[in-house]
Protein backbone atom coordinates (compact mmCIF):
# COMPACT_ATOMS: atom_id res chain seq x y z
CA MET A 1 0.00 0.00 0.00
CA THR A 2 1.52 3.34 -1.07
CA VAL A 3 1.14 6.25 1.32
CA GLU A 4 1.26 9.68 -0.32
CA THR A 5 3.51 12.21 1.33
CA LEU A 6 4.43 15.88 1.02
CA THR A 7 7.98 17.17 1.00
CA VAL A 8 8.66 20.10 3.33
CA ARG A 9 11.75 21.98 4.43
CA VAL A 10 12.69 22.54 8.07
CA ALA A 11 12.90 26.33 7.94
CA ARG A 12 13.48 26.78 11.66
CA LYS A 13 14.27 24.62 14.66
CA ARG A 14 14.24 26.21 18.09
CA ASP A 15 14.09 25.32 21.76
CA GLU A 16 10.69 26.14 23.25
CA ALA A 17 11.36 24.86 26.79
CA ASP A 18 13.59 22.40 28.62
CA GLY A 19 13.51 19.26 26.50
CA ILE A 20 11.05 20.65 23.94
CA CYS A 21 11.93 21.84 20.45
CA SER A 22 9.71 23.13 17.68
CA LEU A 23 10.03 22.75 13.92
CA GLU A 24 8.67 25.20 11.37
CA LEU A 25 7.93 23.36 8.14
CA LEU A 26 7.54 25.12 4.80
CA PRO A 27 6.64 23.83 1.33
CA VAL A 28 9.76 23.23 -0.74
CA GLU A 29 8.45 25.11 -3.77
CA GLY A 30 6.79 27.90 -1.80
CA GLY A 31 3.07 28.52 -2.03
CA VAL A 32 0.60 26.97 0.38
CA LEU A 33 0.23 23.72 2.28
CA PRO A 34 -2.98 21.69 2.62
CA ALA A 35 -5.40 23.41 4.99
CA PHE A 36 -5.91 22.01 8.47
CA THR A 37 -8.30 22.42 11.37
CA ALA A 38 -7.51 22.86 15.06
CA GLY A 39 -6.59 19.54 16.68
CA ALA A 40 -5.04 18.09 13.51
CA HIS A 41 -1.76 16.20 13.34
CA ILE A 42 0.69 15.15 10.64
CA ASP A 43 2.68 11.96 10.19
CA VAL A 44 6.39 12.77 10.05
CA HIS A 45 8.72 10.29 8.33
CA LEU A 46 12.03 10.22 10.18
CA GLY A 47 13.95 7.65 8.17
CA SER A 48 14.45 3.88 8.46
CA GLY A 49 10.69 3.35 8.37
CA LEU A 50 10.14 5.46 11.49
CA VAL A 51 6.87 7.41 11.33
CA ARG A 52 5.50 9.48 14.21
CA GLN A 53 2.46 11.72 14.68
CA TYR A 54 2.81 15.32 15.90
CA SER A 55 0.03 17.83 16.43
CA LEU A 56 0.04 21.10 14.51
CA CYS A 57 0.27 24.00 16.95
CA ASN A 58 0.20 27.07 14.74
CA PRO A 59 -3.04 28.93 13.93
CA PRO A 60 -5.17 27.02 11.38
CA SER A 61 -5.54 30.27 9.45
CA GLU A 62 -1.90 29.92 8.38
CA THR A 63 -1.53 28.10 5.09
CA GLN A 64 2.13 28.80 4.33
CA ARG A 65 3.64 26.76 7.17
CA TYR A 66 3.14 24.00 9.72
CA GLN A 67 4.56 24.08 13.23
CA ILE A 68 5.06 21.10 15.53
CA ALA A 69 6.68 20.79 18.96
CA VAL A 70 8.34 17.62 20.25
CA LEU A 71 9.27 16.56 23.78
CA ARG A 72 12.55 14.68 24.12
CA ASP A 73 11.33 11.56 25.88
CA PRO A 74 13.92 9.40 27.73
CA ALA A 75 11.69 6.41 27.00
CA SER A 76 11.51 7.32 23.31
CA ARG A 77 11.12 4.50 20.80
CA GLY A 78 13.18 6.59 18.39
CA GLY A 79 10.88 9.38 17.23
CA SER A 80 11.56 12.19 19.68
CA GLU A 81 15.26 11.33 19.82
CA ALA A 82 15.47 11.55 16.02
CA VAL A 83 13.77 14.96 15.98
CA HIS A 84 16.02 16.39 18.67
CA ALA A 85 19.34 14.85 17.67
CA GLN A 86 19.12 14.38 13.91
CA VAL A 87 16.69 16.83 12.29
CA LYS A 88 18.46 20.03 11.21
CA GLU A 89 17.41 23.37 9.76
CA GLY A 90 17.33 23.20 5.97
CA GLN A 91 16.64 19.46 5.95
CA LEU A 92 13.85 18.03 3.81
CA LEU A 93 11.24 15.85 5.48
CA GLU A 94 8.40 13.73 4.16
CA ILE A 95 5.09 14.28 5.93
CA SER A 96 1.45 13.35 5.44
CA ALA A 97 -1.34 15.79 4.80
CA PRO A 98 -3.03 16.86 8.06
CA LYS A 99 -5.50 14.48 9.68
CA ASN A 100 -7.87 15.37 12.49
CA HIS A 101 -9.19 12.84 15.01
CA PHE A 102 -9.48 15.51 17.72
CA PRO A 103 -11.63 18.31 16.24
CA LEU A 104 -13.46 21.10 17.99
CA ALA A 105 -17.18 20.50 18.47
CA THR A 106 -18.86 22.84 16.02
CA ASP A 107 -22.09 23.00 18.02
CA ALA A 108 -20.47 23.79 21.40
CA LYS A 109 -21.39 26.98 23.22
CA LYS A 110 -18.41 26.85 25.60
CA HIS A 111 -15.07 25.07 25.47
CA LEU A 112 -12.89 23.95 28.40
CA LEU A 113 -9.35 23.03 27.34
CA LEU A 114 -7.05 21.11 29.74
CA ALA A 115 -3.44 20.61 28.67
CA GLY A 116 -0.80 18.55 30.45
CA GLY A 117 2.81 19.22 29.44
CA ILE A 118 3.47 18.63 25.75
CA GLY A 119 -0.26 17.93 25.36
CA VAL A 120 -0.62 21.67 24.94
CA THR A 121 0.28 21.45 21.24
CA PRO A 122 -3.16 20.65 19.74
CA LEU A 123 -4.85 22.84 22.35
CA MET A 124 -2.64 25.76 21.32
CA ALA A 125 -4.14 25.60 17.83
CA MET A 126 -7.61 25.21 19.33
CA ALA A 127 -7.15 28.33 21.47
CA GLU A 128 -5.97 30.26 18.41
CA GLN A 129 -9.02 29.14 16.43
CA LEU A 130 -11.52 29.77 19.23
CA SER A 131 -10.08 33.24 19.87
CA ASN A 132 -10.27 34.06 16.17
CA ASP A 133 -13.91 32.89 16.14
CA GLY A 134 -14.82 34.93 19.21
CA ALA A 135 -15.88 31.75 21.02
CA ASP A 136 -16.28 31.29 24.78
CA PHE A 137 -13.37 29.20 26.10
CA ALA A 138 -10.79 28.78 28.84
CA LEU A 139 -7.49 26.92 28.71
CA HIS A 140 -5.82 25.43 31.81
CA TYR A 141 -2.17 24.51 31.31
CA PHE A 142 -0.50 22.07 33.74
CA ALA A 143 3.26 21.40 33.78
CA ARG A 144 6.06 20.67 36.22
CA SER A 145 7.39 24.20 35.89
CA ALA A 146 7.30 27.19 33.56
CA SER A 147 10.74 26.21 32.27
CA LYS A 148 9.35 22.88 31.08
CA ALA A 149 6.24 24.39 29.48
CA ALA A 150 6.24 25.27 25.78
CA PHE A 151 4.80 28.50 24.40
CA VAL A 152 4.55 30.36 27.73
CA ASP A 153 5.61 33.63 26.09
CA ARG A 154 3.33 33.03 23.13
CA PHE A 155 0.34 32.57 25.42
CA ALA A 156 1.27 35.65 27.44
CA SER A 157 1.41 37.87 24.36
CA SER A 158 -1.66 36.42 22.67
CA ALA A 159 -5.02 38.11 22.22
CA PHE A 160 -6.50 35.47 24.54
CA ALA A 161 -3.94 35.70 27.37
CA SER A 162 -6.67 36.35 29.95
CA ARG A 163 -8.29 33.02 29.07
CA VAL A 164 -5.13 30.99 29.80
CA HIS A 165 -4.58 29.75 33.36
CA THR A 166 -1.25 28.13 34.24
CA HIS A 167 -0.67 25.55 36.98
CA TRP A 168 2.99 24.76 37.67
CA ASP A 169 3.90 22.01 40.14
CA ASP A 170 6.72 24.10 41.62
CA VAL A 171 4.46 27.12 42.26
CA PRO A 172 2.02 26.24 45.06
CA GLN A 173 -1.51 27.56 44.61
CA ASP A 174 -3.65 28.67 47.53
CA PRO A 175 -6.06 27.02 47.60
CA PRO A 176 -4.63 24.06 45.65
CA VAL A 177 -6.29 23.53 42.30
CA SER A 178 -9.01 20.88 42.37
CA LEU A 179 -9.85 19.07 39.14
CA ALA A 180 -13.36 18.43 40.40
CA THR A 181 -13.91 22.15 40.99
CA LEU A 182 -12.20 23.19 37.77
CA ILE A 183 -14.18 20.76 35.62
CA GLY A 184 -17.44 21.16 37.52
CA VAL A 185 -20.73 19.57 36.59
CA PRO A 186 -21.66 19.36 32.92
CA GLN A 187 -23.56 22.21 31.34
CA ALA A 188 -25.62 22.08 28.18
CA GLY A 189 -23.44 23.02 25.24
CA GLN A 190 -20.15 22.88 27.17
CA HIS A 191 -17.41 20.59 25.85
CA LEU A 192 -14.18 19.48 27.49
CA TYR A 193 -10.92 18.74 25.63
CA VAL A 194 -7.87 17.14 27.22
CA CYS A 195 -4.45 16.10 25.97
CA GLY A 196 -1.24 15.20 27.78
CA PRO A 197 0.43 12.30 29.60
CA LYS A 198 -1.82 9.29 30.10
CA GLY A 199 -1.95 9.67 33.91
CA PHE A 200 -3.08 13.28 33.59
CA MET A 201 -5.69 12.42 30.99
CA ASP A 202 -6.99 9.47 32.98
CA ALA A 203 -7.42 11.74 36.02
CA VAL A 204 -9.26 14.42 34.03
CA LEU A 205 -11.57 11.98 32.29
CA ALA A 206 -12.29 10.01 35.47
CA THR A 207 -13.16 13.24 37.27
CA ALA A 208 -15.45 14.39 34.46
CA ARG A 209 -17.21 11.03 34.27
CA ALA A 210 -17.63 10.93 38.06
CA GLN A 211 -19.43 14.25 37.73
CA SER A 212 -21.73 12.81 35.05
CA TRP A 213 -20.27 14.44 31.96
CA PRO A 214 -21.78 12.78 28.87
CA GLU A 215 -19.27 11.02 26.64
CA ASP A 216 -20.25 13.14 23.64
CA GLN A 217 -19.07 16.25 25.52
CA LEU A 218 -15.62 14.76 26.26
CA HIS A 219 -12.86 14.99 23.66
CA PHE A 220 -9.36 13.61 24.08
CA GLU A 221 -6.25 12.54 22.23
CA PHE A 222 -3.54 10.31 23.67
CA PHE A 223 0.04 10.99 22.60
CA GLY A 224 1.33 7.59 23.54
CA GLY A 225 0.10 4.28 24.77
CA GLN A 226 1.57 1.03 25.92
CA VAL A 227 0.77 -2.27 24.30
CA VAL A 228 -0.71 -4.40 27.07
CA HIS A 229 0.13 -8.09 27.24
CA ASP A 230 -1.34 -10.41 29.82
CA ALA A 231 -1.36 -14.08 30.69
CA THR A 232 -4.71 -14.62 28.99
CA ASP A 233 -3.38 -13.71 25.54
CA ALA A 234 -3.83 -16.75 23.31
CA ALA A 235 -3.10 -17.66 19.72
CA PHE A 236 -5.88 -17.11 17.19
CA THR A 237 -6.48 -16.95 13.45
CA VAL A 238 -7.15 -13.97 11.21
CA LYS A 239 -8.83 -14.63 7.89
CA ILE A 240 -8.44 -12.27 4.93
CA ALA A 241 -11.91 -11.80 3.46
CA SER A 242 -10.76 -10.99 -0.09
CA SER A 243 -8.57 -14.08 -0.52
CA GLY A 244 -9.67 -16.53 2.15
CA GLN A 245 -6.08 -16.69 3.41
CA GLU A 246 -5.84 -17.77 7.04
CA ILE A 247 -2.96 -16.49 9.16
CA GLN A 248 -2.01 -17.70 12.62
CA VAL A 249 -1.26 -15.07 15.26
CA GLY A 250 0.91 -16.31 18.11
CA ALA A 251 0.17 -15.55 21.76
CA ASP A 252 3.21 -13.27 21.92
CA GLN A 253 2.79 -11.81 18.42
CA THR A 254 0.85 -8.78 17.18
CA VAL A 255 -1.65 -9.10 14.35
CA VAL A 256 0.30 -6.57 12.30
CA ASP A 257 3.48 -8.62 12.67
CA ALA A 258 1.69 -11.81 11.60
CA LEU A 259 0.08 -10.04 8.62
CA HIS A 260 3.35 -8.53 7.45
CA LYS A 261 5.18 -11.86 7.71
CA ALA A 262 2.42 -13.39 5.59
CA GLY A 263 2.84 -10.69 2.94
CA VAL A 264 -0.32 -8.74 3.81
CA ASP A 265 0.47 -5.03 3.89
CA VAL A 266 -1.20 -2.91 6.56
CA PRO A 267 0.07 0.65 7.13
CA ILE A 268 1.43 1.32 10.61
CA ALA A 269 2.81 4.34 12.45
CA CYS A 270 2.59 4.56 16.25
CA GLU A 271 2.29 0.78 16.89
CA GLN A 272 0.64 1.66 20.23
CA GLY A 273 -3.04 1.88 19.34
CA VAL A 274 -3.03 5.67 19.46
CA CYS A 275 -3.05 7.04 15.93
CA GLY A 276 -5.56 4.89 14.01
CA THR A 277 -3.29 4.46 10.98
CA CYS A 278 -3.67 0.67 10.95
CA LEU A 279 -7.43 0.58 11.63
CA VAL A 280 -9.08 -2.41 9.91
CA ARG A 281 -12.75 -3.37 9.60
CA VAL A 282 -13.79 -6.62 11.28
CA LEU A 283 -16.41 -8.67 9.40
CA GLU A 284 -16.69 -11.63 11.79
CA GLY A 285 -15.44 -12.37 15.30
CA ILE A 286 -15.02 -10.24 18.42
CA PRO A 287 -11.88 -8.12 18.88
CA ASP A 288 -10.08 -7.76 22.19
CA HIS A 289 -9.61 -3.99 22.10
CA LYS A 290 -6.40 -2.66 23.66
CA ASP A 291 -6.17 0.67 21.85
CA LEU A 292 -6.55 4.27 22.98
CA TYR A 293 -7.87 5.45 19.63
CA LEU A 294 -11.45 4.16 19.37
CA THR A 295 -14.13 5.56 21.62
CA PRO A 296 -15.87 3.16 24.05
CA GLU A 297 -18.90 3.19 21.75
CA GLU A 298 -16.77 2.35 18.70
CA GLN A 299 -15.07 -0.47 20.59
CA ALA A 300 -18.44 -1.85 21.69
CA ALA A 301 -19.57 -2.05 18.05
CA ASN A 302 -16.75 -4.59 17.40
CA ASP A 303 -16.73 -3.81 13.69
CA GLN A 304 -13.16 -2.43 13.56
CA PHE A 305 -9.93 -2.76 15.51
CA THR A 306 -6.28 -1.72 15.63
CA PRO A 307 -4.14 -4.74 14.70
CA CYS A 308 -0.97 -3.15 16.04
CA CYS A 309 -2.03 -3.86 19.63
CA SER A 310 -5.52 -5.37 19.82
CA ARG A 311 -6.22 -9.07 19.66
CA SER A 312 -9.21 -11.42 19.43
CA LYS A 313 -11.67 -12.84 21.94
CA THR A 314 -12.77 -15.43 19.39
CA ALA A 315 -10.78 -18.14 17.67
CA VAL A 316 -11.11 -16.41 14.30
CA LEU A 317 -11.32 -12.79 13.17
CA VAL A 318 -12.36 -12.14 9.58
CA LEU A 319 -10.80 -8.90 8.36
CA ASP A 320 -11.95 -6.66 5.51
CA LEU A 321 -8.65 -6.87 3.67
């Protein structure tokens, strides 16, 4: 399967905070780039088959450039380390057109944005868009310290500075911030958006759900997941609907790995069930969902799954391939 890419030039690379750098990407031939909406991300090809997703954090009104920001993660599987150590100004990169699995709710009357650390990147673009639209919103930015928070100066000088509330771990607040108080009870037309480390997001979403927020008013995007293996994982068979080919998946093997070894091409990127690149329709059987991409409702439908991390609860899964 061929994946179309765009070629861009790294026009600028700069440090935004401790351990965070940003890249400004411009079209090689000048002109404009494909339009994007707030919350969108791009796939960035970093060589040797390494593809990672990074949110666009510049205003969606800009068509001549893309901007991304990347945290140097000590537990990196190669992506963040490659951006920080290998990508240079003037270098050409292959990227995808923007994709958006984390859009603003067009019918919302009020928006509550909660960012944890590097999770601020898609919410930065959202704040820019909401401010430009004259919408009612507030952004709460949590980080260990101001020195580890990207775009602090940009927020401070923005037209929406009064709507941004910062919460640094090394600056005690009196009284201490309470997620329950900050999130509050759901209101008609109010939507909540959260992005950041998994622990932070889990806490925000658990708090909102405990206060009876409807799922359709909660919006989130995980930056990274962890493929979960447990003792109950068993071997099973995937059947390719178009050819009838049956492929065995070992107890310690991913579906994607088994498919690739059998010559069945499925595009992959994050390999953690976060990005949705490998999403495949399921025609028969019941998946064992282990992703962070599908909503609970989508998982319950059992008509699609992420073969990079999810498995099967039945002996056979028939895939629409």
